[in-house]
Amino acid sequence: MSNFLSEEELAQLGLAEYGEDVLIGRYAVLYSPGTLRIGNHVRIDDFTIISGNVELHDYIHISQFCGLYGGSAGIIMEDYSGLSSKCSIYATSDDYTGASMTNPMVPAKYKPRAINAPVHIKKHAIVGCNSVVLPGVTIAEGTAVGSMALCTKTTEEWSIYSGIPAMKMKDRKKDILELEKQFEEDRANG
């Protein structure tokens, strides 16, 4: 038996949509599969949790033990983006100031300060292991986020970020754009 769900098992999940070459680990948990959209050539490893509105474009890898909490605001991951192991991506969060009650078992009317803001991980962005991305953050195109970073603000394109909170360390090379072009040409020529 494969560690990934078969085509028949994928069809039974009730996903909003999915493309070709989709690999989902047998031990991944999809709390709301009807709101999950998956493109082509996507791999979601075991022990990952995905809930709420999540959209995964093409050529994406989500490593083991990640959590994507899209809520109603949603998470979008564009082509060639990825999450290393144990990343947590939040488009929704409780307010921790004491102005609202917390936890999912409390009705929304008692949580007036709950936070819901979309997260966007753009093309060629990568997020290192054990990193956290908070609601409303955009990881800009080509951004590399180092391990154990806390992303509280939108990043600059083609930059490398690290730390708590994440701060720009330096620019990131764009060589992968030429590799992408070659890859797309090779795919088109079969």
N, C-alpha and C. Protein backbone atom coordinates (compact mmCIF):
# COMPACT_ATOMS: atom_id res chain seq x y z
N MET A 1 0.84 -1.18 0.00
CA MET A 1 0.00 0.00 0.00
C MET A 1 0.89 1.24 0.00
N SER A 2 0.53 2.21 -0.81
CA SER A 2 1.28 3.47 -0.90
C SER A 2 1.03 4.32 0.33
N ASN A 3 2.00 5.16 0.65
CA ASN A 3 1.83 6.12 1.74
C ASN A 3 0.90 7.25 1.35
N PHE A 4 0.59 7.35 0.04
CA PHE A 4 -0.29 8.41 -0.44
C PHE A 4 -1.62 7.82 -0.87
N LEU A 5 -2.66 8.63 -0.79
CA LEU A 5 -3.99 8.20 -1.19
C LEU A 5 -4.01 7.85 -2.68
N SER A 6 -4.79 6.85 -3.02
CA SER A 6 -4.95 6.46 -4.42
C SER A 6 -5.87 7.46 -5.12
N GLU A 7 -5.93 7.38 -6.43
CA GLU A 7 -6.82 8.25 -7.21
C GLU A 7 -8.28 8.06 -6.77
N GLU A 8 -8.65 6.82 -6.49
CA GLU A 8 -10.02 6.53 -6.04
C GLU A 8 -10.29 7.16 -4.67
N GLU A 9 -9.30 7.09 -3.78
CA GLU A 9 -9.46 7.68 -2.46
C GLU A 9 -9.54 9.21 -2.55
N LEU A 10 -8.72 9.81 -3.44
CA LEU A 10 -8.80 11.26 -3.65
C LEU A 10 -10.20 11.67 -4.09
N ALA A 11 -10.75 10.90 -5.02
CA ALA A 11 -12.09 11.21 -5.55
C ALA A 11 -13.16 11.18 -4.46
N GLN A 12 -12.95 10.37 -3.44
CA GLN A 12 -13.94 10.21 -2.37
C GLN A 12 -13.81 11.27 -1.26
N LEU A 13 -12.76 12.07 -1.30
CA LEU A 13 -12.54 13.06 -0.24
C LEU A 13 -13.55 14.21 -0.26
N GLY A 14 -14.12 14.50 -1.41
CA GLY A 14 -15.05 15.63 -1.51
C GLY A 14 -14.35 16.97 -1.65
N LEU A 15 -13.13 16.97 -2.25
CA LEU A 15 -12.39 18.21 -2.46
C LEU A 15 -13.17 19.13 -3.40
N ALA A 16 -13.04 20.44 -3.22
CA ALA A 16 -13.69 21.39 -4.12
C ALA A 16 -13.21 21.16 -5.54
N GLU A 17 -11.90 20.92 -5.70
CA GLU A 17 -11.33 20.54 -6.99
C GLU A 17 -9.90 20.08 -6.77
N TYR A 18 -9.41 19.27 -7.70
CA TYR A 18 -8.00 18.87 -7.68
C TYR A 18 -7.57 18.48 -9.08
N GLY A 19 -6.27 18.66 -9.34
CA GLY A 19 -5.71 18.40 -10.66
C GLY A 19 -5.05 17.04 -10.73
N GLU A 20 -4.05 16.96 -11.59
CA GLU A 20 -3.34 15.69 -11.80
C GLU A 20 -2.08 15.65 -10.96
N ASP A 21 -1.64 14.44 -10.69
CA ASP A 21 -0.43 14.21 -9.91
C ASP A 21 -0.52 14.86 -8.53
N VAL A 22 -1.61 14.58 -7.84
CA VAL A 22 -1.82 15.08 -6.48
C VAL A 22 -1.52 13.95 -5.51
N LEU A 23 -0.60 14.20 -4.59
CA LEU A 23 -0.22 13.21 -3.59
C LEU A 23 -0.58 13.74 -2.21
N ILE A 24 -1.48 13.05 -1.52
CA ILE A 24 -1.86 13.42 -0.16
C ILE A 24 -1.56 12.23 0.74
N GLY A 25 -0.77 12.47 1.77
CA GLY A 25 -0.39 11.42 2.71
C GLY A 25 -1.61 10.83 3.41
N ARG A 26 -1.52 9.54 3.66
CA ARG A 26 -2.63 8.83 4.33
C ARG A 26 -2.97 9.41 5.69
N TYR A 27 -2.01 10.04 6.34
CA TYR A 27 -2.24 10.56 7.68
C TYR A 27 -2.37 12.08 7.72
N ALA A 28 -2.60 12.68 6.58
CA ALA A 28 -2.93 14.11 6.55
C ALA A 28 -4.39 14.25 6.97
N VAL A 29 -4.72 15.37 7.60
CA VAL A 29 -6.09 15.60 8.06
C VAL A 29 -6.65 16.82 7.33
N LEU A 30 -7.76 16.63 6.64
CA LEU A 30 -8.43 17.71 5.92
C LEU A 30 -9.78 17.94 6.59
N TYR A 31 -9.88 18.99 7.41
CA TYR A 31 -11.10 19.23 8.18
C TYR A 31 -12.26 19.71 7.33
N SER A 32 -11.98 20.41 6.26
CA SER A 32 -13.07 20.91 5.41
C SER A 32 -12.68 20.71 3.94
N PRO A 33 -12.66 19.45 3.49
CA PRO A 33 -12.19 19.18 2.12
C PRO A 33 -13.00 19.90 1.05
N GLY A 34 -14.25 20.21 1.32
CA GLY A 34 -15.09 20.90 0.34
C GLY A 34 -14.66 22.32 0.05
N THR A 35 -13.74 22.88 0.87
CA THR A 35 -13.24 24.24 0.63
C THR A 35 -11.77 24.22 0.20
N LEU A 36 -11.24 23.04 -0.09
CA LEU A 36 -9.84 22.89 -0.49
C LEU A 36 -9.74 22.72 -2.00
N ARG A 37 -8.97 23.63 -2.63
CA ARG A 37 -8.73 23.57 -4.07
C ARG A 37 -7.26 23.25 -4.29
N ILE A 38 -7.00 22.21 -5.08
CA ILE A 38 -5.63 21.75 -5.31
C ILE A 38 -5.36 21.71 -6.80
N GLY A 39 -4.26 22.32 -7.22
CA GLY A 39 -3.86 22.32 -8.62
C GLY A 39 -3.16 21.02 -9.01
N ASN A 40 -2.23 21.12 -9.93
CA ASN A 40 -1.49 19.98 -10.45
C ASN A 40 -0.12 19.86 -9.78
N HIS A 41 0.32 18.61 -9.62
CA HIS A 41 1.66 18.33 -9.10
C HIS A 41 1.83 18.93 -7.70
N VAL A 42 0.95 18.51 -6.81
CA VAL A 42 0.95 19.00 -5.43
C VAL A 42 1.12 17.81 -4.50
N ARG A 43 2.00 17.98 -3.52
CA ARG A 43 2.23 16.92 -2.52
C ARG A 43 2.00 17.49 -1.13
N ILE A 44 1.13 16.81 -0.39
CA ILE A 44 0.83 17.16 1.00
C ILE A 44 1.23 15.96 1.85
N ASP A 45 2.23 16.13 2.69
CA ASP A 45 2.76 15.02 3.46
C ASP A 45 1.92 14.69 4.69
N ASP A 46 2.21 13.51 5.25
CA ASP A 46 1.51 13.02 6.43
C ASP A 46 1.61 14.01 7.60
N PHE A 47 0.61 13.92 8.45
CA PHE A 47 0.52 14.65 9.71
C PHE A 47 0.36 16.16 9.50
N THR A 48 -0.05 16.54 8.30
CA THR A 48 -0.40 17.93 8.00
C THR A 48 -1.89 18.10 8.25
N ILE A 49 -2.27 19.26 8.78
CA ILE A 49 -3.68 19.59 9.00
C ILE A 49 -4.03 20.77 8.11
N ILE A 50 -5.12 20.65 7.37
CA ILE A 50 -5.61 21.75 6.55
C ILE A 50 -7.08 21.97 6.88
N SER A 51 -7.43 23.21 7.23
CA SER A 51 -8.82 23.52 7.52
C SER A 51 -9.17 24.88 6.92
N GLY A 52 -10.45 25.06 6.64
CA GLY A 52 -10.92 26.33 6.09
C GLY A 52 -10.62 26.46 4.62
N ASN A 53 -10.75 27.68 4.12
CA ASN A 53 -10.54 27.97 2.70
C ASN A 53 -9.05 27.97 2.38
N VAL A 54 -8.64 27.01 1.57
CA VAL A 54 -7.24 26.90 1.17
C VAL A 54 -7.20 26.60 -0.32
N GLU A 55 -6.30 27.32 -1.03
CA GLU A 55 -6.13 27.14 -2.47
C GLU A 55 -4.65 26.91 -2.75
N LEU A 56 -4.35 25.76 -3.33
CA LEU A 56 -2.97 25.39 -3.65
C LEU A 56 -2.83 25.32 -5.16
N HIS A 57 -1.95 26.13 -5.73
CA HIS A 57 -1.77 26.14 -7.17
C HIS A 57 -0.88 24.97 -7.60
N ASP A 58 -0.03 25.11 -8.60
CA ASP A 58 0.73 24.00 -9.16
C ASP A 58 2.16 23.91 -8.60
N TYR A 59 2.67 22.68 -8.59
CA TYR A 59 4.05 22.38 -8.17
C TYR A 59 4.32 22.91 -6.76
N ILE A 60 3.55 22.40 -5.82
CA ILE A 60 3.66 22.81 -4.42
C ILE A 60 3.96 21.60 -3.57
N HIS A 61 4.80 21.80 -2.56
CA HIS A 61 5.05 20.75 -1.57
C HIS A 61 4.78 21.32 -0.19
N ILE A 62 3.97 20.61 0.58
CA ILE A 62 3.72 20.94 1.98
C ILE A 62 4.26 19.77 2.78
N SER A 63 5.31 20.00 3.52
CA SER A 63 6.00 18.94 4.24
C SER A 63 5.21 18.49 5.48
N GLN A 64 5.70 17.46 6.12
CA GLN A 64 4.99 16.85 7.25
C GLN A 64 4.84 17.79 8.44
N PHE A 65 3.77 17.56 9.18
CA PHE A 65 3.45 18.27 10.42
C PHE A 65 3.15 19.76 10.23
N CYS A 66 2.74 20.18 9.03
CA CYS A 66 2.35 21.58 8.82
C CYS A 66 0.88 21.77 9.21
N GLY A 67 0.52 23.00 9.51
CA GLY A 67 -0.87 23.35 9.77
C GLY A 67 -1.25 24.56 8.94
N LEU A 68 -2.28 24.43 8.13
CA LEU A 68 -2.80 25.54 7.34
C LEU A 68 -4.22 25.80 7.82
N TYR A 69 -4.44 26.94 8.47
CA TYR A 69 -5.71 27.26 9.08
C TYR A 69 -6.31 28.44 8.32
N GLY A 70 -7.07 28.15 7.28
CA GLY A 70 -7.57 29.17 6.36
C GLY A 70 -8.79 29.91 6.85
N GLY A 71 -9.59 29.30 7.72
CA GLY A 71 -10.81 29.95 8.16
C GLY A 71 -11.61 30.46 6.97
N SER A 72 -12.38 31.52 7.18
CA SER A 72 -13.17 32.08 6.08
C SER A 72 -12.34 33.01 5.20
N ALA A 73 -11.26 33.58 5.72
CA ALA A 73 -10.43 34.53 4.97
C ALA A 73 -9.60 33.84 3.90
N GLY A 74 -9.06 32.68 4.21
CA GLY A 74 -8.37 31.86 3.23
C GLY A 74 -6.86 32.02 3.14
N ILE A 75 -6.26 30.96 2.63
CA ILE A 75 -4.82 30.89 2.35
C ILE A 75 -4.67 30.53 0.88
N ILE A 76 -3.80 31.25 0.18
CA ILE A 76 -3.48 30.92 -1.21
C ILE A 76 -1.97 30.67 -1.30
N MET A 77 -1.60 29.54 -1.89
CA MET A 77 -0.20 29.26 -2.21
C MET A 77 -0.08 29.19 -3.73
N GLU A 78 0.77 30.05 -4.29
CA GLU A 78 0.95 30.10 -5.74
C GLU A 78 1.97 29.05 -6.20
N ASP A 79 2.11 28.93 -7.53
CA ASP A 79 3.01 27.96 -8.15
C ASP A 79 4.42 28.00 -7.56
N TYR A 80 4.99 26.80 -7.43
CA TYR A 80 6.38 26.61 -7.00
C TYR A 80 6.66 27.11 -5.59
N SER A 81 5.64 27.27 -4.78
CA SER A 81 5.86 27.67 -3.39
C SER A 81 5.89 26.41 -2.53
N GLY A 82 6.39 26.55 -1.31
CA GLY A 82 6.46 25.38 -0.46
C GLY A 82 6.62 25.70 1.01
N LEU A 83 6.25 24.72 1.82
CA LEU A 83 6.39 24.82 3.27
C LEU A 83 7.24 23.67 3.75
N SER A 84 8.28 23.97 4.49
CA SER A 84 9.09 22.94 5.11
C SER A 84 8.32 22.39 6.33
N SER A 85 8.86 21.39 6.97
CA SER A 85 8.14 20.71 8.04
C SER A 85 7.81 21.64 9.21
N LYS A 86 6.67 21.36 9.81
CA LYS A 86 6.20 22.00 11.04
C LYS A 86 5.88 23.49 10.90
N CYS A 87 5.56 23.95 9.70
CA CYS A 87 5.13 25.35 9.52
C CYS A 87 3.67 25.49 9.94
N SER A 88 3.32 26.65 10.46
CA SER A 88 1.94 26.96 10.81
C SER A 88 1.55 28.25 10.09
N ILE A 89 0.47 28.17 9.30
CA ILE A 89 0.00 29.31 8.53
C ILE A 89 -1.42 29.62 9.00
N TYR A 90 -1.62 30.83 9.52
CA TYR A 90 -2.90 31.21 10.11
C TYR A 90 -3.54 32.37 9.35
N ALA A 91 -4.72 32.14 8.80
CA ALA A 91 -5.53 33.23 8.25
C ALA A 91 -6.61 33.62 9.26
N THR A 92 -6.65 32.89 10.34
CA THR A 92 -7.63 33.14 11.40
C THR A 92 -6.96 32.92 12.76
N SER A 93 -7.35 33.72 13.73
CA SER A 93 -6.77 33.59 15.07
C SER A 93 -7.70 34.24 16.08
N ASP A 94 -7.67 33.76 17.28
CA ASP A 94 -8.36 34.42 18.36
C ASP A 94 -7.56 35.65 18.79
N ASP A 95 -8.22 36.58 19.46
CA ASP A 95 -7.57 37.74 20.04
C ASP A 95 -7.09 37.34 21.44
N TYR A 96 -5.84 37.65 21.74
CA TYR A 96 -5.26 37.23 23.02
C TYR A 96 -5.15 38.35 24.04
N THR A 97 -5.77 39.51 23.77
CA THR A 97 -5.63 40.65 24.68
C THR A 97 -6.56 40.57 25.88
N GLY A 98 -7.55 39.68 25.82
CA GLY A 98 -8.55 39.60 26.87
C GLY A 98 -9.84 40.33 26.51
N ALA A 99 -9.86 40.97 25.35
CA ALA A 99 -11.05 41.69 24.89
C ALA A 99 -12.09 40.74 24.29
N SER A 100 -11.69 39.52 24.00
CA SER A 100 -12.58 38.51 23.42
C SER A 100 -12.33 37.19 24.11
N MET A 101 -13.34 36.37 24.12
CA MET A 101 -13.13 35.00 24.57
C MET A 101 -12.36 34.26 23.48
N THR A 102 -11.84 33.11 23.81
CA THR A 102 -11.04 32.34 22.86
C THR A 102 -11.49 30.89 22.79
N ASN A 103 -11.10 30.24 21.76
CA ASN A 103 -11.20 28.81 21.43
C ASN A 103 -12.40 28.53 20.54
N PRO A 104 -12.30 27.51 19.73
CA PRO A 104 -13.33 27.25 18.72
C PRO A 104 -14.67 26.79 19.27
N MET A 105 -14.74 26.45 20.53
CA MET A 105 -16.00 25.98 21.10
C MET A 105 -16.87 27.13 21.63
N VAL A 106 -16.31 28.34 21.65
CA VAL A 106 -17.06 29.52 22.11
C VAL A 106 -17.74 30.15 20.89
N PRO A 107 -19.05 30.45 20.98
CA PRO A 107 -19.75 31.08 19.85
C PRO A 107 -19.09 32.41 19.43
N ALA A 108 -19.15 32.70 18.13
CA ALA A 108 -18.50 33.87 17.55
C ALA A 108 -18.93 35.18 18.21
N LYS A 109 -20.17 35.29 18.67
CA LYS A 109 -20.63 36.55 19.26
C LYS A 109 -19.87 36.91 20.54
N TYR A 110 -19.20 35.95 21.15
CA TYR A 110 -18.41 36.20 22.35
C TYR A 110 -16.93 36.40 22.02
N LYS A 111 -16.65 36.43 20.72
CA LYS A 111 -15.27 36.63 20.26
C LYS A 111 -15.24 37.80 19.26
N PRO A 112 -15.64 39.02 19.72
CA PRO A 112 -15.76 40.14 18.79
C PRO A 112 -14.44 40.59 18.17
N ARG A 113 -13.33 40.21 18.74
CA ARG A 113 -12.04 40.67 18.23
C ARG A 113 -11.27 39.55 17.53
N ALA A 114 -11.95 38.49 17.15
CA ALA A 114 -11.29 37.42 16.39
C ALA A 114 -10.68 38.02 15.13
N ILE A 115 -9.56 37.48 14.72
CA ILE A 115 -8.81 38.01 13.58
C ILE A 115 -8.99 37.08 12.39
N ASN A 116 -9.43 37.64 11.27
CA ASN A 116 -9.58 36.89 10.02
C ASN A 116 -9.05 37.75 8.90
N ALA A 117 -7.92 37.36 8.32
CA ALA A 117 -7.32 38.10 7.21
C ALA A 117 -6.56 37.11 6.34
N PRO A 118 -6.71 37.22 5.02
CA PRO A 118 -6.11 36.24 4.13
C PRO A 118 -4.58 36.22 4.19
N VAL A 119 -4.03 35.04 3.94
CA VAL A 119 -2.59 34.85 3.81
C VAL A 119 -2.32 34.45 2.37
N HIS A 120 -1.30 35.06 1.78
CA HIS A 120 -0.96 34.80 0.39
C HIS A 120 0.53 34.46 0.33
N ILE A 121 0.83 33.26 -0.13
CA ILE A 121 2.22 32.84 -0.32
C ILE A 121 2.43 32.80 -1.83
N LYS A 122 3.20 33.75 -2.32
CA LYS A 122 3.32 33.96 -3.77
C LYS A 122 4.33 33.01 -4.42
N LYS A 123 4.37 33.09 -5.72
CA LYS A 123 5.17 32.22 -6.56
C LYS A 123 6.65 32.20 -6.11
N HIS A 124 7.21 31.00 -6.06
CA HIS A 124 8.62 30.76 -5.70
C HIS A 124 8.95 31.14 -4.26
N ALA A 125 7.94 31.34 -3.41
CA ALA A 125 8.21 31.63 -2.01
C ALA A 125 8.35 30.31 -1.26
N ILE A 126 9.27 30.29 -0.30
CA ILE A 126 9.45 29.11 0.53
C ILE A 126 9.50 29.53 1.99
N VAL A 127 8.95 28.68 2.84
CA VAL A 127 8.89 28.97 4.27
C VAL A 127 9.61 27.83 5.00
N GLY A 128 10.64 28.18 5.77
CA GLY A 128 11.48 27.20 6.45
C GLY A 128 10.80 26.55 7.64
N CYS A 129 11.37 25.44 8.08
CA CYS A 129 10.76 24.61 9.13
C CYS A 129 10.51 25.39 10.42
N ASN A 130 9.42 25.02 11.06
CA ASN A 130 9.00 25.60 12.34
C ASN A 130 8.67 27.09 12.27
N SER A 131 8.42 27.62 11.08
CA SER A 131 8.06 29.03 10.95
C SER A 131 6.56 29.21 11.09
N VAL A 132 6.17 30.43 11.45
CA VAL A 132 4.76 30.78 11.63
C VAL A 132 4.46 32.02 10.80
N VAL A 133 3.34 31.96 10.07
CA VAL A 133 2.86 33.11 9.29
C VAL A 133 1.50 33.49 9.87
N LEU A 134 1.34 34.75 10.26
CA LEU A 134 0.12 35.21 10.93
C LEU A 134 -0.88 35.80 9.93
N PRO A 135 -2.15 35.97 10.35
CA PRO A 135 -3.19 36.49 9.47
C PRO A 135 -2.81 37.81 8.81
N GLY A 136 -3.19 37.94 7.52
CA GLY A 136 -2.99 39.17 6.79
C GLY A 136 -1.63 39.33 6.13
N VAL A 137 -0.75 38.37 6.31
CA VAL A 137 0.60 38.47 5.78
C VAL A 137 0.64 37.92 4.35
N THR A 138 1.40 38.61 3.49
CA THR A 138 1.73 38.10 2.16
C THR A 138 3.22 37.81 2.14
N ILE A 139 3.55 36.58 1.82
CA ILE A 139 4.94 36.20 1.59
C ILE A 139 5.16 36.46 0.10
N ALA A 140 5.85 37.54 -0.22
CA ALA A 140 5.96 38.04 -1.59
C ALA A 140 6.70 37.07 -2.50
N GLU A 141 6.55 37.28 -3.80
CA GLU A 141 7.18 36.42 -4.79
C GLU A 141 8.68 36.29 -4.51
N GLY A 142 9.14 35.04 -4.55
CA GLY A 142 10.56 34.77 -4.40
C GLY A 142 11.12 34.90 -3.00
N THR A 143 10.30 35.16 -2.01
CA THR A 143 10.79 35.30 -0.65
C THR A 143 11.16 33.95 -0.06
N ALA A 144 12.28 33.91 0.64
CA ALA A 144 12.69 32.72 1.41
C ALA A 144 12.64 33.11 2.88
N VAL A 145 11.85 32.38 3.64
CA VAL A 145 11.73 32.62 5.08
C VAL A 145 12.54 31.53 5.78
N GLY A 146 13.51 31.93 6.59
CA GLY A 146 14.36 30.98 7.29
C GLY A 146 13.64 30.23 8.39
N SER A 147 14.25 29.17 8.84
CA SER A 147 13.68 28.33 9.89
C SER A 147 13.36 29.13 11.15
N MET A 148 12.27 28.75 11.79
CA MET A 148 11.84 29.30 13.08
C MET A 148 11.56 30.80 13.05
N ALA A 149 11.13 31.31 11.90
CA ALA A 149 10.79 32.72 11.79
C ALA A 149 9.33 32.94 12.16
N LEU A 150 9.02 34.15 12.60
CA LEU A 150 7.65 34.56 12.89
C LEU A 150 7.32 35.71 11.95
N CYS A 151 6.48 35.43 10.95
CA CYS A 151 6.12 36.44 9.94
C CYS A 151 4.87 37.18 10.38
N THR A 152 5.05 38.42 10.80
CA THR A 152 3.95 39.25 11.27
C THR A 152 3.57 40.32 10.27
N LYS A 153 4.43 40.53 9.25
CA LYS A 153 4.21 41.57 8.25
C LYS A 153 4.54 41.04 6.86
N THR A 154 3.95 41.66 5.86
CA THR A 154 4.21 41.31 4.47
C THR A 154 5.67 41.52 4.13
N THR A 155 6.22 40.59 3.34
CA THR A 155 7.63 40.64 2.98
C THR A 155 7.85 41.39 1.66
N GLU A 156 9.10 41.68 1.35
CA GLU A 156 9.49 42.26 0.07
C GLU A 156 9.82 41.12 -0.89
N GLU A 157 9.59 41.33 -2.18
CA GLU A 157 9.90 40.32 -3.19
C GLU A 157 11.39 40.00 -3.19
N TRP A 158 11.70 38.75 -3.52
CA TRP A 158 13.06 38.26 -3.73
C TRP A 158 13.99 38.67 -2.61
N SER A 159 13.56 38.35 -1.40
CA SER A 159 14.32 38.66 -0.19
C SER A 159 14.41 37.42 0.69
N ILE A 160 15.37 37.43 1.59
CA ILE A 160 15.52 36.36 2.58
C ILE A 160 15.23 36.96 3.94
N TYR A 161 14.32 36.30 4.67
CA TYR A 161 13.89 36.77 5.99
C TYR A 161 14.24 35.74 7.05
N SER A 162 14.47 36.22 8.26
CA SER A 162 14.77 35.33 9.38
C SER A 162 14.43 36.05 10.67
N GLY A 163 14.22 35.29 11.74
CA GLY A 163 14.09 35.86 13.07
C GLY A 163 12.68 35.97 13.60
N ILE A 164 12.60 36.48 14.85
CA ILE A 164 11.33 36.66 15.56
C ILE A 164 11.32 38.09 16.09
N PRO A 165 10.56 38.98 15.49
CA PRO A 165 9.79 38.80 14.26
C PRO A 165 10.72 38.72 13.05
N ALA A 166 10.22 38.17 11.95
CA ALA A 166 11.02 38.01 10.75
C ALA A 166 11.42 39.37 10.21
N MET A 167 12.69 39.48 9.87
CA MET A 167 13.23 40.72 9.30
C MET A 167 14.06 40.36 8.07
N LYS A 168 14.12 41.29 7.13
CA LYS A 168 14.89 41.06 5.90
C LYS A 168 16.37 40.99 6.23
N MET A 169 17.01 39.92 5.76
CA MET A 169 18.45 39.74 5.96
C MET A 169 19.23 40.20 4.73
N LYS A 170 18.72 39.83 3.53
CA LYS A 170 19.39 40.21 2.29
C LYS A 170 18.49 39.87 1.11
N ASP A 171 18.94 40.25 -0.09
CA ASP A 171 18.21 39.91 -1.30
C ASP A 171 18.42 38.44 -1.64
N ARG A 172 17.46 37.87 -2.35
CA ARG A 172 17.55 36.48 -2.80
C ARG A 172 17.83 36.47 -4.30
N LYS A 173 18.65 35.55 -4.74
CA LYS A 173 18.96 35.41 -6.16
C LYS A 173 17.70 35.04 -6.94
N LYS A 174 17.70 35.40 -8.23
CA LYS A 174 16.56 35.11 -9.10
C LYS A 174 16.88 34.06 -10.15
N ASP A 175 17.95 33.29 -9.95
CA ASP A 175 18.34 32.27 -10.92
C ASP A 175 17.20 31.28 -11.19
N ILE A 176 16.37 31.06 -10.22
CA ILE A 176 15.29 30.08 -10.40
C ILE A 176 14.30 30.50 -11.48
N LEU A 177 14.25 31.79 -11.82
CA LEU A 177 13.35 32.22 -12.89
C LEU A 177 13.81 31.67 -14.24
N GLU A 178 15.11 31.61 -14.47
CA GLU A 178 15.63 31.01 -15.70
C GLU A 178 15.39 29.50 -15.69
N LEU A 179 15.56 28.87 -14.53
CA LEU A 179 15.28 27.44 -14.43
C LEU A 179 13.80 27.14 -14.66
N GLU A 180 12.94 28.01 -14.15
CA GLU A 180 11.50 27.85 -14.39
C GLU A 180 11.20 27.94 -15.90
N LYS A 181 11.81 28.91 -16.56
CA LYS A 181 11.60 29.08 -18.00
C LYS A 181 12.03 27.82 -18.75
N GLN A 182 13.19 27.27 -18.41
CA GLN A 182 13.67 26.04 -19.05
C GLN A 182 12.73 24.88 -18.76
N PHE A 183 12.27 24.77 -17.53
CA PHE A 183 11.35 23.71 -17.14
C PHE A 183 10.06 23.78 -17.94
N GLU A 184 9.49 24.98 -18.05
CA GLU A 184 8.24 25.17 -18.79
C GLU A 184 8.44 24.86 -20.28
N GLU A 185 9.59 25.26 -20.84
CA GLU A 185 9.87 24.93 -22.24
C GLU A 185 9.98 23.42 -22.45
N ASP A 186 10.69 22.75 -21.54
CA ASP A 186 10.83 21.28 -21.64
C ASP A 186 9.47 20.60 -21.53
N ARG A 187 8.63 21.09 -20.64
CA ARG A 187 7.28 20.51 -20.50
C ARG A 187 6.47 20.71 -21.77
N ALA A 188 6.57 21.89 -22.37
CA ALA A 188 5.80 22.19 -23.59
C ALA A 188 6.28 21.34 -24.77
N ASN A 189 7.56 21.00 -24.79
CA ASN A 189 8.12 20.20 -25.88
C ASN A 189 8.04 18.71 -25.63
N GLY A 190 7.48 18.34 -24.49
CA GLY A 190 7.22 16.94 -24.15
C GLY A 190 8.46 16.17 -23.95
